[in-house]
Every structure is written in structure tokens, then in C-alpha cells.
C-alpha atoms as a PDB file:
ATOM      1  CA  UNK A   1      15.613  18.629 -16.253  1.00  0.00           C
ATOM      2  CA  UNK A   2      17.594  21.698 -15.091  1.00  0.00           C
ATOM      3  CA  UNK A   3      20.931  21.021 -13.435  1.00  0.00           C
ATOM      4  CA  UNK A   4      21.950  23.314 -10.592  1.00  0.00           C
ATOM      5  CA  UNK A   5      25.439  24.553 -11.205  1.00  0.00           C
ATOM      6  CA  UNK A   6      27.536  23.604  -8.251  1.00  0.00           C
ATOM      7  CA  UNK A   7      30.597  21.374  -8.158  1.00  0.00           C
ATOM      8  CA  UNK A   8      28.927  18.368  -6.459  1.00  0.00           C
ATOM      9  CA  UNK A   9      25.918  18.184  -8.790  1.00  0.00           C
ATOM     10  CA  UNK A  10      28.125  18.502 -11.871  1.00  0.00           C
ATOM     11  CA  UNK A  11      30.217  15.533 -10.720  1.00  0.00           C
ATOM     12  CA  UNK A  12      27.187  13.377  -9.862  1.00  0.00           C
ATOM     13  CA  UNK A  13      25.147  14.154 -12.985  1.00  0.00           C
ATOM     14  CA  UNK A  14      27.018  11.753 -15.329  1.00  0.00           C
ATOM     15  CA  UNK A  15      26.766   8.961 -12.746  1.00  0.00           C
ATOM     16  CA  UNK A  16      23.027   9.493 -12.321  1.00  0.00           C
ATOM     17  CA  UNK A  17      22.507   9.468 -16.086  1.00  0.00           C
ATOM     18  CA  UNK A  18      24.435   6.198 -16.398  1.00  0.00           C
ATOM     19  CA  UNK A  19      22.483   4.576 -13.566  1.00  0.00           C
ATOM     20  CA  UNK A  20      19.165   5.617 -15.093  1.00  0.00           C
ATOM     21  CA  UNK A  21      20.206   4.383 -18.527  1.00  0.00           C
ATOM     22  CA  UNK A  22      21.355   1.048 -17.104  1.00  0.00           C
ATOM     23  CA  UNK A  23      18.129   0.639 -15.166  1.00  0.00           C
ATOM     24  CA  UNK A  24      16.033   1.284 -18.274  1.00  0.00           C
ATOM     25  CA  UNK A  25      18.115  -1.040 -20.415  1.00  0.00           C
ATOM     26  CA  UNK A  26      17.732  -3.973 -18.045  1.00  0.00           C
ATOM     27  CA  UNK A  27      13.924  -3.818 -17.874  1.00  0.00           C
ATOM     28  CA  UNK A  28      11.860  -6.152 -20.077  1.00  0.00           C
ATOM     29  CA  UNK A  29      10.862  -4.170 -23.154  1.00  0.00           C
ATOM     30  CA  UNK A  30       8.123  -6.537 -24.325  1.00  0.00           C
ATOM     31  CA  UNK A  31       6.170  -6.403 -21.063  1.00  0.00           C
ATOM     32  CA  UNK A  32       6.258  -2.622 -20.917  1.00  0.00           C
ATOM     33  CA  UNK A  33       5.279  -2.206 -24.556  1.00  0.00           C
ATOM     34  CA  UNK A  34       2.464  -4.757 -24.228  1.00  0.00           C
ATOM     35  CA  UNK A  35       1.090  -3.036 -21.140  1.00  0.00           C
ATOM     36  CA  UNK A  36       1.284   0.325 -22.898  1.00  0.00           C
ATOM     37  CA  UNK A  37      -0.461  -1.079 -25.967  1.00  0.00           C
ATOM     38  CA  UNK A  38      -3.211  -2.574 -23.765  1.00  0.00           C
ATOM     39  CA  UNK A  39      -3.737   0.762 -22.016  1.00  0.00           C
ATOM     40  CA  UNK A  40      -4.010   2.598 -25.346  1.00  0.00           C
ATOM     41  CA  UNK A  41      -6.464   0.004 -26.709  1.00  0.00           C
ATOM     42  CA  UNK A  42      -8.583   0.161 -23.557  1.00  0.00           C
ATOM     43  CA  UNK A  43      -8.568   3.953 -23.651  1.00  0.00           C
ATOM     44  CA  UNK A  44     -10.003   3.861 -27.191  1.00  0.00           C
ATOM     45  CA  UNK A  45     -12.964   1.647 -26.274  1.00  0.00           C
ATOM     46  CA  UNK A  46     -16.332   3.322 -25.887  1.00  0.00           C
ATOM     47  CA  UNK A  47     -18.307   0.485 -24.310  1.00  0.00           C
ATOM     48  CA  UNK A  48     -18.155  -1.862 -21.332  1.00  0.00           C
ATOM     49  CA  UNK A  49     -19.941  -4.748 -19.638  1.00  0.00           C
ATOM     50  CA  UNK A  50     -20.616  -4.432 -15.917  1.00  0.00           C
ATOM     51  CA  UNK A  51     -19.941  -7.939 -14.587  1.00  0.00           C
ATOM     52  CA  UNK A  52     -22.468  -7.748 -11.759  1.00  0.00           C
ATOM     53  CA  UNK A  53     -25.100  -7.395 -14.503  1.00  0.00           C
ATOM     54  CA  UNK A  54     -23.382  -8.683 -17.670  1.00  0.00           C
ATOM     55  CA  UNK A  55     -26.340  -8.976 -20.040  1.00  0.00           C
ATOM     56  CA  UNK A  56     -26.025  -5.471 -21.507  1.00  0.00           C
ATOM     57  CA  UNK A  57     -23.352  -3.338 -23.111  1.00  0.00           C
ATOM     58  CA  UNK A  58     -23.118   0.150 -21.664  1.00  0.00           C
ATOM     59  CA  UNK A  59     -21.572   3.341 -22.982  1.00  0.00           C
ATOM     60  CA  UNK A  60     -18.310   4.327 -21.273  1.00  0.00           C
ATOM     61  CA  UNK A  61     -18.334   7.744 -19.635  1.00  0.00           C
ATOM     62  CA  UNK A  62     -14.804   8.875 -18.864  1.00  0.00           C
ATOM     63  CA  UNK A  63     -16.133  11.702 -16.691  1.00  0.00           C
ATOM     64  CA  UNK A  64     -18.004   9.249 -14.453  1.00  0.00           C
ATOM     65  CA  UNK A  65     -16.254   5.881 -14.860  1.00  0.00           C
ATOM     66  CA  UNK A  66     -17.830   2.732 -13.472  1.00  0.00           C
ATOM     67  CA  UNK A  67     -16.066   1.595 -10.305  1.00  0.00           C
ATOM     68  CA  UNK A  68     -17.497  -1.917 -10.131  1.00  0.00           C
ATOM     69  CA  UNK A  69     -15.830  -4.878 -11.803  1.00  0.00           C
ATOM     70  CA  UNK A  70     -16.207  -4.436 -15.551  1.00  0.00           C
ATOM     71  CA  UNK A  71     -14.706  -5.294 -18.923  1.00  0.00           C
ATOM     72  CA  UNK A  72     -14.163  -2.662 -21.581  1.00  0.00           C
ATOM     73  CA  UNK A  73     -14.440  -3.463 -25.254  1.00  0.00           C
ATOM     74  CA  UNK A  74     -16.541  -3.011 -28.366  1.00  0.00           C
ATOM     75  CA  UNK A  75     -19.811  -4.531 -29.521  1.00  0.00           C
ATOM     76  CA  UNK A  76     -19.542  -6.087 -32.990  1.00  0.00           C
ATOM     77  CA  UNK A  77     -21.762  -8.292 -35.148  1.00  0.00           C
ATOM     78  CA  UNK A  78     -19.977 -11.271 -33.533  1.00  0.00           C
ATOM     79  CA  UNK A  79     -20.718 -10.153 -29.983  1.00  0.00           C
ATOM     80  CA  UNK A  80     -18.817  -8.129 -27.435  1.00  0.00           C
ATOM     81  CA  UNK A  81     -15.056  -8.099 -28.032  1.00  0.00           C
ATOM     82  CA  UNK A  82     -13.278  -7.483 -24.720  1.00  0.00           C
ATOM     83  CA  UNK A  83     -10.078  -5.436 -24.615  1.00  0.00           C
ATOM     84  CA  UNK A  84      -7.736  -6.067 -21.700  1.00  0.00           C
ATOM     85  CA  UNK A  85      -8.851  -7.790 -18.531  1.00  0.00           C
ATOM     86  CA  UNK A  86     -11.311  -7.087 -15.753  1.00  0.00           C
ATOM     87  CA  UNK A  87     -11.041  -3.575 -14.383  1.00  0.00           C
ATOM     88  CA  UNK A  88     -12.602  -1.773 -11.446  1.00  0.00           C
ATOM     89  CA  UNK A  89     -13.007  -2.510  -7.777  1.00  0.00           C
ATOM     90  CA  UNK A  90     -14.710  -5.456  -6.177  1.00  0.00           C
ATOM     91  CA  UNK A  91     -14.200  -8.866  -4.656  1.00  0.00           C
ATOM     92  CA  UNK A  92     -13.562 -11.926  -6.752  1.00  0.00           C
ATOM     93  CA  UNK A  93     -15.232 -15.270  -6.077  1.00  0.00           C
ATOM     94  CA  UNK A  94     -13.096 -18.231  -5.049  1.00  0.00           C
ATOM     95  CA  UNK A  95     -14.708 -21.176  -6.824  1.00  0.00           C
ATOM     96  CA  UNK A  96     -15.588 -19.969 -10.304  1.00  0.00           C
ATOM     97  CA  UNK A  97     -17.179 -22.684 -12.422  1.00  0.00           C
ATOM     98  CA  UNK A  98     -19.879 -20.625 -14.120  1.00  0.00           C
ATOM     99  CA  UNK A  99     -19.068 -18.272 -16.971  1.00  0.00           C
ATOM    100  CA  UNK A 100     -20.170 -15.226 -18.899  1.00  0.00           C
ATOM    101  CA  UNK A 101     -19.994 -15.604 -22.649  1.00  0.00           C
ATOM    102  CA  UNK A 102     -19.117 -12.319 -24.347  1.00  0.00           C
ATOM    103  CA  UNK A 103     -20.443 -13.633 -27.672  1.00  0.00           C
ATOM    104  CA  UNK A 104     -24.033 -13.664 -26.400  1.00  0.00           C
ATOM    105  CA  UNK A 105     -23.718 -11.726 -23.094  1.00  0.00           C
ATOM    106  CA  UNK A 106     -25.310 -14.552 -21.142  1.00  0.00           C
ATOM    107  CA  UNK A 107     -24.483 -16.118 -17.806  1.00  0.00           C
ATOM    108  CA  UNK A 108     -23.986 -19.866 -18.146  1.00  0.00           C
ATOM    109  CA  UNK A 109     -24.162 -22.133 -15.095  1.00  0.00           C
ATOM    110  CA  UNK A 110     -21.740 -25.049 -14.828  1.00  0.00           C
ATOM    111  CA  UNK A 111     -24.617 -27.237 -13.582  1.00  0.00           C
ATOM    112  CA  UNK A 112     -26.378 -26.797 -16.941  1.00  0.00           C
ATOM    113  CA  UNK A 113     -23.478 -28.477 -18.723  1.00  0.00           C
ATOM    114  CA  UNK A 114     -21.798 -27.284 -21.860  1.00  0.00           C
ATOM    115  CA  UNK A 115     -18.396 -25.842 -22.516  1.00  0.00           C
ATOM    116  CA  UNK A 116     -17.562 -22.157 -22.691  1.00  0.00           C
ATOM    117  CA  UNK A 117     -16.493 -20.698 -26.024  1.00  0.00           C
ATOM    118  CA  UNK A 118     -14.012 -17.827 -26.094  1.00  0.00           C
ATOM    119  CA  UNK A 119     -14.180 -15.043 -25.243  1.00  0.00           C
ATOM    120  CA  UNK A 120     -15.521 -15.731 -21.752  1.00  0.00           C
ATOM    121  CA  UNK A 121     -14.738 -15.251 -18.089  1.00  0.00           C
ATOM    122  CA  UNK A 122     -15.110 -17.775 -15.286  1.00  0.00           C
ATOM    123  CA  UNK A 123     -16.823 -16.859 -12.058  1.00  0.00           C
ATOM    124  CA  UNK A 124     -19.764 -17.456  -9.755  1.00  0.00           C
ATOM    125  CA  UNK A 125     -23.349 -16.887 -10.861  1.00  0.00           C
ATOM    126  CA  UNK A 126     -26.310 -16.298  -8.589  1.00  0.00           C
ATOM    127  CA  UNK A 127     -29.495 -15.584 -10.501  1.00  0.00           C
ATOM    128  CA  UNK A 128     -28.785 -12.667 -12.830  1.00  0.00           C
ATOM    129  CA  UNK A 129     -25.695 -11.606 -10.846  1.00  0.00           C
ATOM    130  CA  UNK A 130     -22.148 -12.628 -11.683  1.00  0.00           C
ATOM    131  CA  UNK A 131     -18.837 -12.292  -9.818  1.00  0.00           C
ATOM    132  CA  UNK A 132     -15.623 -13.079 -11.714  1.00  0.00           C
ATOM    133  CA  UNK A 133     -13.092 -15.531 -10.281  1.00  0.00           C
ATOM    134  CA  UNK A 134     -10.111 -13.651 -11.711  1.00  0.00           C
ATOM    135  CA  UNK A 135      -9.242 -10.556 -13.708  1.00  0.00           C
ATOM    136  CA  UNK A 136      -8.302 -12.599 -16.774  1.00  0.00           C
ATOM    137  CA  UNK A 137     -10.523 -13.187 -19.772  1.00  0.00           C
ATOM    138  CA  UNK A 138     -10.168 -16.340 -21.820  1.00  0.00           C
ATOM    139  CA  UNK A 139      -9.751 -14.856 -25.288  1.00  0.00           C
ATOM    140  CA  UNK A 140      -8.686 -17.967 -27.214  1.00  0.00           C
ATOM    141  CA  UNK A 141      -8.752 -21.674 -26.712  1.00  0.00           C
END
């Protein structure tokens, strides 16, 4: 950053540097590094599941990204492995008791019984449509 050479700026420059350094030092390092790691991991994924129609894995197109609620990740032999949380724009449901299982990419209704196995996301199901209740995925139990 270039510093303009006048008396006032030269006197304030050391103070500004100290304030910036102090501000950076007091921030939580683990939260910032975790968020940065999540962003890098998400950026590397090439697939996603659109939550309004969660029964298929789609190819991610960075030039035309999906704007609906979706989860990025990778399809493996053990099912879809989500990376990060729910992304995109859309409304969340308020009383999420149903769930989408990422292992089998199926919508499971709470009225059918059973317990979700991680990874999954809670939400509201209506036919083949699903709306998540939050942006968090249950990755472990």
C-alpha cells in the first residue's frame, strides 16, 4: 500500500499499522481458518444435490451456478458426501421432521418411522419435493 509523503500521514501510519495488527491478533484464528478450509473444499467439489429435487446428483457449473437451495459434495461408492452446509437462496421450512438421506438420496417421511443415518438433513417433504429446515447437515451422530 503506497504511503503519501506528507507529515500527517507519516505520523499516523505507525498507529494505523498497530491498530490493524491488534485487530487481527484478537480475532479467533480457528473460526477463520475453518471457514477458509470449508470454502476451499466446497470450491473443489464438482457435484451438488438440489434440495427441491434431491434424488439426483448434478454436475456443478461454475459459469451458471444453481441459485436454489443445494448441497455441494462428491458422489462416492458410499453415497453422496456433502461438503459444507446448505448453500443458495430459498426459504427454509419451520417444522422439519422429514429428512433427506445423502447415502441413498431419498426423501424419508417422519410418518413412515425410522431414524435418519448420517449424513442427512432435516426438513419438510411434500411428494418428491423437499425444503430444508436449516442450513446445517448432520454429518455424524
